[in-house]
Amino acid sequence: MATVGNFENAASFAAINKTPLRTTVESAFYGNNVKFVKDLKEAYKLAKASPGTVELTGMPIYKPESIGLPSASNVLLFNDGAVFGRCAAARRILGQAGINTAELCTVIREAMHNARNRTFYTADAVVGLEEDFMVKAHIMLPEGYENNLLSWMLNFQYSNSEYERLYKKSRKYENDGDIFVYADPYWSHPDFPLGLACFSPEENVAAVLGMRYFGELKKGTLTLAWGIAARNGYASCHGGLKRYKTKDGKKFVLAVFGLSGSGKSTITHAKHNGKYEIKVLHDDAFVINVQDKYSIALEPAYFDKMQDYPIGCPDNKYLLTLQNCGVTKDEHGKLVCVSEDIRNGNGRAVKSRLWTPNRVDRIDEPLNAIAWLMKDPTLPPVVKITGSALASVMGSTLATKRTTAERLAPGVDPNALVIESYANPFRTYPLSMDYSRFKQLFDDGVDCYIINTGFFGDKKIPKEVTLDILEKIVENKSEWKAFGNLPNISYLPIEGFEPNFEDQSYKEQLKARMLDRVKFVETRKTEKNGADVLPDDALNALKEIISAM
């Protein structure tokens, strides 16, 4: 089996348990106040009966039996209160500078003790959908949050006979234990007003306290799975991957990396008016084996925003659960979802894999191209990067804007341009590991592009322009021009979006953004006690750009 679930001896136990947190969390799963939920039918029944759940009688689930749900199931909606996004400020990573493991473990033990009089539920799932990467995950949630339990089981692959058979044959990772995630949204503590999401990455364990939003559980589980992947030779990817096949039989594999709201789902699922035969791996989470070059999806379902899916949208046929959306009655008196972020920002849904008829769980063809999706107003709609060091460091300094998927700490400007390395705010291992993995892919011939999905100057870049760019790249019909006098960067001329290097103000803004990237790389030497320091070639590649300005 992939991860270690049962320990044969003290040595194997000690190899997995490095702090008190893992055994603290796992022990809670075996209390006599804990009930195991064996399948989706039971989870659906519990969620439907949970106080506050809305059964959307006008939104039946499409082919529920094929997923493991009861026949005649309807979409279930559950709404949170003031909070409807993730909160990075609540995250604590054991082993990082300034983190007191003993104190946090004490807080978590007390939280579990105080919760012992409440009923909890546990369930199992598999993260990774193909035998070369499958890890076992377990979750624990209190009564009252059955909808989050159901969404977690739907988002990942709940344990059934088929996947248990595959899991038993899967590649074994002897130095990694199963993932355990303990969650108690009812918890509160004056020292943690935003909640507490405590991770011990090498132990594959997390405690998520005082946080209701389902995305904390999804990304918390993925955080640990990505860590396992990184430690075992994979590039861990927060993005989308698809394979195009042109009419003349040419295949082209593209991976796009961006934060929520960057357009990665739109690009991943774009059908291009039927011009290509397309296979989709996933739009949010996958891993790439950098040696053998195959890619594996981590989740069967999709956790997507609802802002672009109004009442009556055909895509809503594939919804499974909904979070933080409104409700109204249709002309037949049945309940349907009010989406488009009318109730609040970041309305969400778990969507069935059936939404993508061309879905696959593994792609063996190696990548042709990686696109970093940025929202940097100094960049035209697309630039091409040559040189593996520059290509990888541009991913490590991916510039973008915050989205409504995030709950920000007081005083944080939601409109500021920020850097989020490889579009993955959930990384719990050294940044240099990501840098070296992606650099190896570029060394081995993968092309690198930066696609601006925001504004160029004050002019919005339409998604139609972005999709046309992708078609030119896939069909090798792009004619690149030098990006001023900057080395290793070229751009694709697009009417209305051409950079003007005669404009001194533009040149100064472009230089400022490049200097932001230099500063970011330089500060990795001191932040987190240097845990995220990058190799010298990363900084040198950026300085070469600056020296040419």
Protein backbone atom coordinates (compact mmCIF):
# COMPACT_ATOMS: atom_id res chain seq x y z
CA MET A 1 0.00 0.00 0.00
CA ALA A 2 1.07 3.59 -0.66
CA THR A 3 1.27 5.14 2.81
CA VAL A 4 1.77 3.40 6.12
CA GLY A 5 -1.47 2.85 8.01
CA ASN A 6 -0.43 0.21 10.53
CA PHE A 7 2.98 -0.06 12.16
CA GLU A 8 4.79 -3.36 12.41
CA ASN A 9 7.30 -2.32 15.06
CA ALA A 10 8.64 0.55 17.15
CA ALA A 11 11.16 1.53 14.50
CA SER A 12 8.52 2.00 11.80
CA PHE A 13 6.34 3.94 14.26
CA ALA A 14 9.22 6.25 15.19
CA ALA A 15 10.03 6.90 11.54
CA ILE A 16 6.59 8.43 10.98
CA ASN A 17 5.98 10.13 14.36
CA LYS A 18 8.40 13.04 14.77
CA THR A 19 6.39 15.35 17.10
CA PRO A 20 3.53 14.79 19.56
CA LEU A 21 1.00 16.12 17.01
CA ARG A 22 0.57 13.01 14.90
CA THR A 23 -0.18 10.66 17.76
CA THR A 24 -2.31 13.38 19.43
CA VAL A 25 -4.49 13.74 16.33
CA GLU A 26 -4.66 10.06 15.39
CA SER A 27 -5.61 9.07 18.96
CA ALA A 28 -8.73 11.25 18.77
CA PHE A 29 -10.02 9.17 15.83
CA TYR A 30 -10.46 6.12 18.10
CA GLY A 31 -12.61 7.71 20.85
CA ASN A 32 -15.96 6.16 21.77
CA ASN A 33 -17.64 9.43 20.73
CA VAL A 34 -16.53 8.87 17.13
CA LYS A 35 -18.63 7.17 14.44
CA PHE A 36 -17.15 5.89 11.17
CA VAL A 37 -19.04 6.79 7.99
CA LYS A 38 -18.43 3.93 5.59
CA ASP A 39 -19.75 5.28 2.28
CA LEU A 40 -21.36 8.17 0.42
CA LYS A 41 -24.90 6.91 0.93
CA GLU A 42 -24.52 7.17 4.69
CA ALA A 43 -22.73 10.53 4.41
CA TYR A 44 -25.51 11.91 2.19
CA LYS A 45 -28.20 10.81 4.64
CA LEU A 46 -26.37 12.48 7.54
CA ALA A 47 -25.76 15.70 5.59
CA LYS A 48 -29.36 15.92 4.41
CA ALA A 49 -30.59 15.69 8.02
CA SER A 50 -28.01 18.14 9.41
CA PRO A 51 -29.55 21.38 10.77
CA GLY A 52 -29.33 24.23 8.25
CA THR A 53 -29.00 22.01 5.18
CA VAL A 54 -31.09 22.99 2.18
CA GLU A 55 -32.11 20.17 -0.15
CA LEU A 56 -32.37 21.75 -3.59
CA THR A 57 -35.42 19.87 -4.84
CA GLY A 58 -35.14 21.52 -8.26
CA MET A 59 -31.53 20.38 -8.73
CA PRO A 60 -31.29 16.58 -8.90
CA ILE A 61 -27.80 15.07 -8.96
CA TYR A 62 -26.88 13.65 -12.36
CA LYS A 63 -26.34 9.87 -12.33
CA PRO A 64 -25.93 9.67 -8.53
CA GLU A 65 -25.55 5.88 -8.46
CA SER A 66 -22.47 6.04 -10.69
CA ILE A 67 -20.78 8.19 -8.05
CA GLY A 68 -21.93 6.13 -5.07
CA LEU A 69 -24.80 8.35 -3.91
CA PRO A 70 -28.39 7.20 -3.31
CA SER A 71 -30.73 7.21 -6.29
CA ALA A 72 -32.91 10.33 -6.61
CA SER A 73 -30.36 12.43 -4.67
CA ASN A 74 -30.61 16.20 -4.85
CA VAL A 75 -27.85 18.78 -4.48
CA LEU A 76 -27.39 19.77 -0.83
CA LEU A 77 -26.51 23.36 0.14
CA PHE A 78 -24.90 24.43 3.40
CA ASN A 79 -23.98 28.03 4.18
CA ASP A 80 -21.39 29.49 6.49
CA GLY A 81 -21.66 32.85 8.21
CA ALA A 82 -19.21 35.74 8.07
CA VAL A 83 -16.33 33.64 6.75
CA PHE A 84 -16.43 32.09 3.26
CA GLY A 85 -12.75 31.83 2.31
CA ARG A 86 -9.42 30.36 3.36
CA CYS A 87 -7.24 32.08 5.95
CA ALA A 88 -3.48 31.77 5.49
CA ALA A 89 -2.91 33.86 8.63
CA ALA A 90 -4.31 31.02 10.76
CA ARG A 91 -1.79 28.49 9.42
CA ARG A 92 1.02 27.22 11.66
CA ILE A 93 3.62 24.80 10.28
CA LEU A 94 5.53 22.76 12.84
CA GLY A 95 9.26 22.92 12.20
CA GLN A 96 9.23 26.44 10.78
CA ALA A 97 11.04 29.29 12.48
CA GLY A 98 9.21 30.82 15.44
CA ILE A 99 6.71 27.95 15.82
CA ASN A 100 6.48 26.49 19.32
CA THR A 101 5.51 22.85 18.82
CA ALA A 102 4.98 22.09 22.50
CA GLU A 103 2.61 25.03 23.03
CA LEU A 104 0.54 24.26 19.93
CA CYS A 105 0.25 20.60 20.83
CA THR A 106 -0.96 21.62 24.28
CA VAL A 107 -3.63 23.87 22.75
CA ILE A 108 -4.76 21.04 20.46
CA ARG A 109 -4.88 18.45 23.24
CA GLU A 110 -7.05 20.79 25.30
CA ALA A 111 -9.33 21.39 22.31
CA MET A 112 -9.82 17.66 21.86
CA HIS A 113 -10.46 17.09 25.56
CA ASN A 114 -13.11 19.83 25.64
CA ALA A 115 -14.82 18.34 22.57
CA ARG A 116 -15.11 14.81 23.99
CA ASN A 117 -18.79 15.19 24.92
CA ARG A 118 -19.77 15.82 21.30
CA THR A 119 -20.29 13.23 18.59
CA PHE A 120 -17.73 13.20 15.78
CA TYR A 121 -17.65 11.44 12.43
CA THR A 122 -14.70 9.99 10.55
CA ALA A 123 -14.30 8.87 6.94
CA ASP A 124 -11.55 7.62 4.65
CA ALA A 125 -10.51 8.63 1.15
CA VAL A 126 -7.70 8.17 -1.34
CA VAL A 127 -5.72 11.14 -2.69
CA GLY A 128 -4.24 10.30 -6.09
CA LEU A 129 -6.18 8.31 -8.65
CA GLU A 130 -3.59 6.02 -10.23
CA GLU A 131 -1.41 3.27 -8.81
CA ASP A 132 1.86 5.22 -9.11
CA PHE A 133 0.58 7.83 -6.65
CA MET A 134 -2.15 6.99 -4.16
CA VAL A 135 -2.15 7.97 -0.48
CA LYS A 136 -4.74 7.21 2.19
CA ALA A 137 -6.42 10.09 4.06
CA HIS A 138 -8.71 10.15 7.11
CA ILE A 139 -10.86 13.05 8.33
CA MET A 140 -12.69 13.72 11.60
CA LEU A 141 -15.50 16.29 11.95
CA PRO A 142 -18.11 17.04 14.64
CA GLU A 143 -21.85 16.53 14.42
CA GLY A 144 -23.35 19.59 12.73
CA TYR A 145 -20.78 19.64 9.94
CA GLU A 146 -21.92 16.56 8.08
CA ASN A 147 -22.07 18.60 4.87
CA ASN A 148 -18.33 19.23 5.03
CA LEU A 149 -17.81 15.51 5.59
CA LEU A 150 -19.90 14.70 2.50
CA SER A 151 -18.11 17.31 0.38
CA TRP A 152 -14.71 15.95 1.47
CA MET A 153 -15.70 12.40 0.55
CA LEU A 154 -16.97 13.60 -2.83
CA ASN A 155 -14.03 15.89 -3.55
CA PHE A 156 -11.49 13.12 -2.94
CA GLN A 157 -11.99 9.47 -3.82
CA TYR A 158 -13.94 7.85 -1.01
CA SER A 159 -12.83 4.33 -0.21
CA ASN A 160 -14.79 1.72 -2.16
CA SER A 161 -13.94 -1.80 -3.31
CA GLU A 162 -12.49 -0.66 -6.65
CA TYR A 163 -10.13 1.90 -5.16
CA GLU A 164 -9.19 -0.32 -2.22
CA ARG A 165 -8.07 -2.91 -4.78
CA LEU A 166 -6.02 -0.30 -6.67
CA TYR A 167 -4.60 1.08 -3.44
CA LYS A 168 -3.33 -2.31 -2.32
CA LYS A 169 -1.40 -2.60 -5.59
CA SER A 170 -0.12 0.99 -5.51
CA ARG A 171 3.46 2.16 -5.06
CA LYS A 172 4.49 2.09 -1.41
CA TYR A 173 6.00 5.10 0.37
CA GLU A 174 7.57 3.49 3.41
CA ASN A 175 8.60 6.74 5.10
CA ASP A 176 5.15 8.34 4.94
CA GLY A 177 2.15 7.54 7.12
CA ASP A 178 -1.50 8.01 6.22
CA ILE A 179 -2.90 11.54 6.25
CA PHE A 180 -4.98 12.48 9.32
CA VAL A 181 -7.02 15.71 9.45
CA TYR A 182 -8.86 16.61 12.66
CA ALA A 183 -11.35 19.49 12.39
CA ASP A 184 -13.54 21.25 14.94
CA PRO A 185 -15.25 24.39 13.61
CA TYR A 186 -16.91 25.03 17.00
CA TRP A 187 -13.57 25.69 18.72
CA SER A 188 -12.53 29.20 19.69
CA HIS A 189 -9.56 30.65 21.53
CA PRO A 190 -8.66 34.27 22.36
CA ASP A 191 -5.09 33.75 21.15
CA PHE A 192 -6.32 32.55 17.75
CA PRO A 193 -9.15 34.89 16.68
CA LEU A 194 -8.94 33.71 13.05
CA GLY A 195 -8.80 30.03 14.02
CA LEU A 196 -5.88 27.63 13.91
CA ALA A 197 -4.76 25.37 11.07
CA CYS A 198 -1.77 23.49 12.47
CA PHE A 199 0.24 21.21 10.18
CA SER A 200 3.06 18.77 10.79
CA PRO A 201 4.00 18.16 7.14
CA GLU A 202 6.45 15.28 7.51
CA GLU A 203 3.98 13.48 9.78
CA ASN A 204 1.09 14.04 7.32
CA VAL A 205 -1.19 15.38 10.02
CA ALA A 206 -3.24 18.54 10.59
CA ALA A 207 -5.62 20.04 13.14
CA VAL A 208 -8.03 22.64 11.73
CA LEU A 209 -9.78 24.45 14.58
CA GLY A 210 -12.35 27.23 14.61
CA MET A 211 -12.68 27.27 10.80
CA ARG A 212 -15.93 26.34 9.05
CA TYR A 213 -15.08 26.87 5.39
CA PHE A 214 -14.84 23.59 3.48
CA GLY A 215 -11.89 24.86 1.44
CA GLU A 216 -9.71 24.67 4.57
CA LEU A 217 -10.29 20.91 4.69
CA LYS A 218 -9.81 20.36 0.98
CA LYS A 219 -6.61 22.37 0.72
CA GLY A 220 -5.40 21.11 4.10
CA THR A 221 -5.62 17.54 2.85
CA LEU A 222 -3.97 18.49 -0.45
CA THR A 223 -1.19 20.33 1.43
CA LEU A 224 -0.17 17.07 3.06
CA ALA A 225 -0.56 15.03 -0.13
CA TRP A 226 1.57 17.51 -2.08
CA GLY A 227 4.24 17.19 0.61
CA ILE A 228 4.29 13.41 0.23
CA ALA A 229 4.60 13.83 -3.55
CA ALA A 230 7.46 16.33 -3.25
CA ARG A 231 9.40 14.06 -0.91
CA ASN A 232 9.02 11.18 -3.34
CA GLY A 233 10.23 12.69 -6.59
CA TYR A 234 7.19 14.51 -7.96
CA ALA A 235 6.49 18.12 -8.83
CA SER A 236 3.43 19.10 -6.78
CA CYS A 237 1.06 21.21 -8.84
CA HIS A 238 -1.71 23.68 -8.00
CA GLY A 239 -2.99 24.15 -11.51
CA GLY A 240 -4.69 22.54 -14.49
CA LEU A 241 -3.37 20.08 -17.07
CA LYS A 242 -4.87 19.03 -20.41
CA ARG A 243 -3.80 17.26 -23.59
CA TYR A 244 -4.73 18.65 -27.00
CA LYS A 245 -4.83 16.46 -30.11
CA THR A 246 -4.96 18.36 -33.38
CA LYS A 247 -6.73 17.13 -36.51
CA ASP A 248 -3.39 16.02 -37.98
CA GLY A 249 -2.75 13.82 -34.92
CA LYS A 250 -0.26 16.03 -33.08
CA LYS A 251 -0.52 15.88 -29.28
CA PHE A 252 0.29 18.83 -27.06
CA VAL A 253 0.27 18.70 -23.24
CA LEU A 254 -0.18 21.99 -21.39
CA ALA A 255 -0.08 22.76 -17.66
CA VAL A 256 -1.30 26.11 -16.32
CA PHE A 257 -0.57 27.36 -12.81
CA GLY A 258 -2.60 30.04 -11.08
CA LEU A 259 -4.46 30.93 -7.92
CA SER A 260 -8.25 30.72 -7.64
CA GLY A 261 -9.76 33.25 -10.02
CA SER A 262 -6.73 33.33 -12.33
CA GLY A 263 -8.51 31.50 -15.14
CA LYS A 264 -6.88 28.09 -14.74
CA SER A 265 -10.24 26.29 -14.67
CA THR A 266 -11.52 28.24 -17.66
CA ILE A 267 -8.38 27.40 -19.65
CA THR A 268 -8.32 23.75 -18.53
CA HIS A 269 -11.93 23.08 -19.49
CA ALA A 270 -12.03 25.22 -22.65
CA LYS A 271 -13.30 23.15 -25.59
CA HIS A 272 -12.03 25.56 -28.30
CA ASN A 273 -15.24 25.07 -30.32
CA GLY A 274 -14.36 21.45 -31.00
CA LYS A 275 -11.14 22.21 -32.91
CA TYR A 276 -9.21 19.62 -30.91
CA GLU A 277 -9.68 16.30 -29.20
CA ILE A 278 -9.06 17.22 -25.57
CA LYS A 279 -8.32 15.13 -22.50
CA VAL A 280 -8.46 16.85 -19.10
CA LEU A 281 -6.41 15.59 -16.15
CA HIS A 282 -7.64 18.13 -13.57
CA ASP A 283 -8.08 21.87 -13.07
CA ASP A 284 -6.65 22.22 -9.56
CA ALA A 285 -4.45 19.43 -8.22
CA PHE A 286 -2.05 16.97 -9.82
CA VAL A 287 1.53 15.72 -9.62
CA ILE A 288 4.20 15.24 -12.29
CA ASN A 289 6.91 12.60 -12.10
CA VAL A 290 9.90 14.65 -13.26
CA GLN A 291 11.92 11.56 -14.20
CA ASP A 292 9.34 9.54 -16.14
CA LYS A 293 7.25 12.61 -17.10
CA TYR A 294 3.77 11.16 -16.47
CA SER A 295 1.11 13.19 -14.62
CA ILE A 296 -1.54 11.97 -12.15
CA ALA A 297 -4.72 13.70 -10.94
CA LEU A 298 -5.25 13.83 -7.18
CA GLU A 299 -9.04 14.32 -7.07
CA PRO A 300 -12.00 12.95 -9.01
CA ALA A 301 -14.24 15.99 -8.51
CA TYR A 302 -13.85 19.76 -8.85
CA PHE A 303 -14.25 22.46 -6.19
CA ASP A 304 -15.19 25.48 -8.27
CA LYS A 305 -16.49 28.99 -7.89
CA MET A 306 -20.15 29.61 -8.74
CA GLN A 307 -19.87 33.27 -9.77
CA ASP A 308 -20.05 32.42 -13.50
CA TYR A 309 -22.80 29.79 -13.30
CA PRO A 310 -26.24 31.47 -13.05
CA ILE A 311 -29.62 29.81 -12.57
CA GLY A 312 -30.31 27.59 -15.53
CA CYS A 313 -26.68 27.24 -16.61
CA PRO A 314 -26.23 23.78 -18.22
CA ASP A 315 -23.04 23.17 -16.21
CA ASN A 316 -25.09 23.18 -13.00
CA LYS A 317 -26.36 19.75 -14.02
CA TYR A 318 -23.13 18.33 -12.57
CA LEU A 319 -23.24 19.92 -9.11
CA LEU A 320 -22.97 17.63 -6.08
CA THR A 321 -22.85 19.98 -3.08
CA LEU A 322 -22.99 23.76 -2.69
CA GLN A 323 -21.52 26.15 -0.14
CA ASN A 324 -22.29 29.82 0.54
CA CYS A 325 -24.88 30.41 -2.16
CA GLY A 326 -28.46 31.64 -2.06
CA VAL A 327 -31.74 29.79 -2.67
CA THR A 328 -35.01 30.64 -4.39
CA LYS A 329 -38.05 28.80 -5.77
CA ASP A 330 -38.48 28.13 -9.47
CA GLU A 331 -41.78 28.35 -11.38
CA HIS A 332 -42.68 24.85 -10.14
CA GLY A 333 -42.10 25.73 -6.50
CA LYS A 334 -38.87 23.72 -6.31
CA LEU A 335 -35.72 25.04 -4.62
CA VAL A 336 -32.80 26.08 -6.81
CA CYS A 337 -29.46 27.76 -6.22
CA VAL A 338 -28.89 31.51 -6.49
CA SER A 339 -25.25 31.79 -7.46
CA GLU A 340 -23.12 34.56 -9.09
CA ASP A 341 -21.87 35.58 -5.63
CA ILE A 342 -25.07 37.49 -4.84
CA ARG A 343 -25.25 36.27 -1.23
CA ASN A 344 -21.51 36.71 -0.64
CA GLY A 345 -18.19 36.34 -2.41
CA ASN A 346 -16.67 32.96 -3.26
CA GLY A 347 -19.81 30.85 -3.53
CA ARG A 348 -18.59 27.32 -4.21
CA ALA A 349 -19.63 23.88 -5.41
CA VAL A 350 -18.23 20.39 -5.58
CA LYS A 351 -18.81 19.24 -9.16
CA SER A 352 -18.90 15.70 -10.43
CA ARG A 353 -16.12 14.36 -12.65
CA LEU A 354 -18.96 13.70 -15.13
CA TRP A 355 -18.81 17.45 -15.87
CA THR A 356 -15.78 16.61 -18.00
CA PRO A 357 -16.66 13.81 -20.45
CA ASN A 358 -13.05 13.77 -21.67
CA ARG A 359 -11.61 13.29 -18.19
CA VAL A 360 -8.59 11.03 -17.51
CA ASP A 361 -6.67 10.30 -14.30
CA ARG A 362 -3.22 9.87 -15.84
CA ILE A 363 -1.43 11.33 -18.86
CA ASP A 364 1.74 9.56 -19.93
CA GLU A 365 2.83 11.97 -22.66
CA PRO A 366 5.42 14.43 -21.30
CA LEU A 367 4.59 18.11 -20.95
CA ASN A 368 5.11 20.38 -23.94
CA ALA A 369 4.53 23.64 -22.12
CA ILE A 370 3.96 25.27 -18.73
CA ALA A 371 2.14 28.58 -18.44
CA TRP A 372 2.41 30.71 -15.32
CA LEU A 373 -0.90 32.61 -15.03
CA MET A 374 -0.19 36.07 -13.65
CA LYS A 375 -2.03 39.31 -13.06
CA ASP A 376 0.87 41.69 -13.62
CA PRO A 377 -0.19 44.90 -15.44
CA THR A 378 3.31 45.40 -16.86
CA LEU A 379 3.14 42.19 -18.89
CA PRO A 380 1.36 41.84 -22.26
CA PRO A 381 -1.12 38.97 -22.71
CA VAL A 382 1.67 36.42 -23.27
CA VAL A 383 5.45 36.29 -23.09
CA LYS A 384 7.76 33.34 -23.77
CA ILE A 385 10.68 32.61 -21.45
CA THR A 386 13.82 30.76 -22.51
CA GLY A 387 16.46 29.40 -20.17
CA SER A 388 15.50 26.94 -17.45
CA ALA A 389 16.67 29.09 -14.52
CA LEU A 390 14.67 32.14 -15.63
CA ALA A 391 11.65 29.99 -16.49
CA SER A 392 11.63 28.38 -13.06
CA VAL A 393 12.35 31.53 -11.07
CA MET A 394 9.49 33.31 -12.85
CA GLY A 395 7.27 30.56 -11.45
CA SER A 396 8.73 31.03 -7.99
CA THR A 397 7.96 34.77 -8.28
CA LEU A 398 4.50 34.37 -9.81
CA ALA A 399 2.77 37.75 -9.41
CA THR A 400 -0.98 37.94 -9.02
CA LYS A 401 -3.87 39.49 -7.09
CA ARG A 402 -5.70 38.19 -4.03
CA THR A 403 -9.11 36.61 -4.62
CA THR A 404 -12.37 36.20 -2.74
CA ALA A 405 -11.30 32.62 -1.95
CA GLU A 406 -9.02 34.06 0.73
CA ARG A 407 -9.83 35.47 4.15
CA LEU A 408 -7.20 38.12 4.83
CA ALA A 409 -5.80 39.24 8.14
CA PRO A 410 -6.68 42.79 9.27
CA GLY A 411 -4.62 45.45 7.47
CA VAL A 412 -3.79 43.34 4.40
CA ASP A 413 -4.54 45.19 1.14
CA PRO A 414 -6.71 42.86 -1.00
CA ASN A 415 -5.77 44.81 -4.15
CA ALA A 416 -1.99 44.69 -3.76
CA LEU A 417 0.12 42.75 -6.25
CA VAL A 418 1.53 39.75 -4.44
CA ILE A 419 3.95 36.94 -5.18
CA GLU A 420 2.73 33.39 -4.64
CA SER A 421 5.38 30.89 -5.64
CA TYR A 422 4.15 28.43 -8.26
CA ALA A 423 0.62 29.61 -7.39
CA ASN A 424 0.73 27.30 -4.39
CA PRO A 425 0.17 28.95 -0.99
CA PHE A 426 -0.10 25.46 0.54
CA ARG A 427 3.53 24.38 0.17
CA THR A 428 5.03 23.06 3.42
CA TYR A 429 8.45 21.98 2.12
CA PRO A 430 11.45 24.09 0.99
CA LEU A 431 10.83 26.33 -2.02
CA SER A 432 14.07 25.12 -3.59
CA MET A 433 12.45 21.71 -4.04
CA ASP A 434 9.78 23.19 -6.32
CA TYR A 435 12.39 25.33 -8.08
CA SER A 436 14.60 22.36 -8.88
CA ARG A 437 11.70 20.15 -10.01
CA PHE A 438 10.36 22.71 -12.47
CA LYS A 439 13.85 23.67 -13.61
CA GLN A 440 14.46 20.03 -14.48
CA LEU A 441 11.28 19.99 -16.58
CA PHE A 442 12.48 23.09 -18.46
CA ASP A 443 15.96 21.58 -18.85
CA ASP A 444 14.32 18.55 -20.44
CA GLY A 445 12.62 20.62 -23.12
CA VAL A 446 9.35 21.96 -21.68
CA ASP A 447 8.53 25.45 -23.02
CA CYS A 448 7.63 28.25 -20.60
CA TYR A 449 5.06 31.02 -21.05
CA ILE A 450 3.63 33.72 -18.83
CA ILE A 451 -0.01 34.42 -19.61
CA ASN A 452 -1.46 37.60 -18.13
CA THR A 453 -5.13 36.98 -17.32
CA GLY A 454 -5.65 40.35 -15.65
CA PHE A 455 -4.98 43.83 -17.04
CA PHE A 456 -2.23 45.13 -19.31
CA GLY A 457 -1.97 48.66 -18.02
CA ASP A 458 -5.60 49.63 -17.49
CA LYS A 459 -6.97 47.41 -20.27
CA LYS A 460 -8.62 44.12 -19.34
CA ILE A 461 -7.41 41.10 -21.27
CA PRO A 462 -10.51 39.15 -22.39
CA LYS A 463 -10.59 35.39 -22.01
CA GLU A 464 -11.18 35.13 -25.77
CA VAL A 465 -7.72 36.65 -26.31
CA THR A 466 -6.20 34.14 -23.89
CA LEU A 467 -7.83 31.17 -25.61
CA ASP A 468 -6.72 32.41 -29.03
CA ILE A 469 -3.15 32.64 -27.69
CA LEU A 470 -3.33 29.02 -26.55
CA GLU A 471 -4.46 27.89 -30.00
CA LYS A 472 -1.50 29.68 -31.58
CA ILE A 473 0.87 27.98 -29.15
CA VAL A 474 -0.65 24.52 -29.67
CA GLU A 475 -0.54 24.88 -33.46
CA ASN A 476 2.91 26.52 -33.44
CA LYS A 477 1.54 29.51 -35.35
CA SER A 478 2.97 32.16 -33.06
CA GLU A 479 5.54 34.70 -34.26
CA TRP A 480 7.47 36.03 -31.30
CA LYS A 481 9.09 39.44 -31.06
CA ALA A 482 11.90 40.62 -28.82
CA PHE A 483 10.59 42.06 -25.55
CA GLY A 484 12.50 45.31 -25.74
CA ASN A 485 16.17 44.49 -25.22
CA LEU A 486 15.55 41.99 -22.43
CA PRO A 487 17.36 38.65 -22.82
CA ASN A 488 15.44 35.36 -22.88
CA ILE A 489 12.01 37.05 -23.08
CA SER A 490 9.86 37.50 -26.18
CA TYR A 491 6.20 38.37 -26.69
CA LEU A 492 3.39 37.62 -29.12
CA PRO A 493 2.10 40.83 -30.74
CA ILE A 494 -1.64 41.29 -30.16
CA GLU A 495 -3.43 44.36 -31.44
CA GLY A 496 -4.25 46.76 -28.62
CA PHE A 497 -1.87 45.09 -26.16
CA GLU A 498 1.61 45.84 -27.52
CA PRO A 499 4.20 47.11 -25.02
CA ASN A 500 5.61 50.56 -25.74
CA PHE A 501 9.28 50.64 -24.83
CA GLU A 502 9.45 54.29 -25.90
CA ASP A 503 7.23 55.06 -22.90
CA GLN A 504 9.58 55.79 -19.99
CA SER A 505 6.78 55.33 -17.46
CA TYR A 506 6.07 51.83 -18.75
CA LYS A 507 9.74 50.89 -18.63
CA GLU A 508 10.01 52.11 -15.05
CA GLN A 509 6.95 50.13 -13.98
CA LEU A 510 8.27 46.99 -15.69
CA LYS A 511 11.62 47.40 -13.97
CA ALA A 512 9.91 47.93 -10.63
CA ARG A 513 8.01 44.66 -10.99
CA MET A 514 11.20 42.82 -11.92
CA LEU A 515 12.93 44.38 -8.89
CA ASP A 516 10.04 43.09 -6.76
CA ARG A 517 10.97 39.62 -7.96
CA VAL A 518 14.64 40.17 -7.15
CA LYS A 519 13.71 41.40 -3.68
CA PHE A 520 11.50 38.37 -3.12
CA VAL A 521 14.30 35.94 -4.01
CA GLU A 522 16.81 37.86 -1.89
CA THR A 523 14.54 37.86 1.16
CA ARG A 524 14.22 34.06 0.99
CA LYS A 525 17.71 34.01 2.54
CA THR A 526 16.44 35.54 5.78
CA GLU A 527 12.72 34.73 6.05
CA LYS A 528 11.88 31.45 7.81
CA ASN A 529 15.57 31.29 8.81
CA GLY A 530 16.46 30.70 5.18
CA ALA A 531 14.27 27.60 4.76
CA ASP A 532 13.13 28.85 1.34
CA VAL A 533 16.46 30.08 -0.01
CA LEU A 534 16.86 29.51 -3.76
CA PRO A 535 20.03 28.54 -5.67
CA ASP A 536 22.26 31.33 -6.97
CA ASP A 537 21.23 30.73 -10.60
CA ALA A 538 17.67 31.83 -9.77
CA LEU A 539 18.76 35.28 -8.59
CA ASN A 540 21.37 35.60 -11.35
CA ALA A 541 18.72 34.96 -14.03
CA LEU A 542 16.62 37.85 -12.71
CA LYS A 543 19.60 40.17 -12.31
CA GLU A 544 20.51 39.57 -15.94
CA ILE A 545 17.10 40.96 -16.89
CA ILE A 546 17.52 43.98 -14.61
CA SER A 547 20.99 44.77 -15.96
CA ALA A 548 19.56 44.96 -19.49
CA MET A 549 16.94 47.56 -18.53
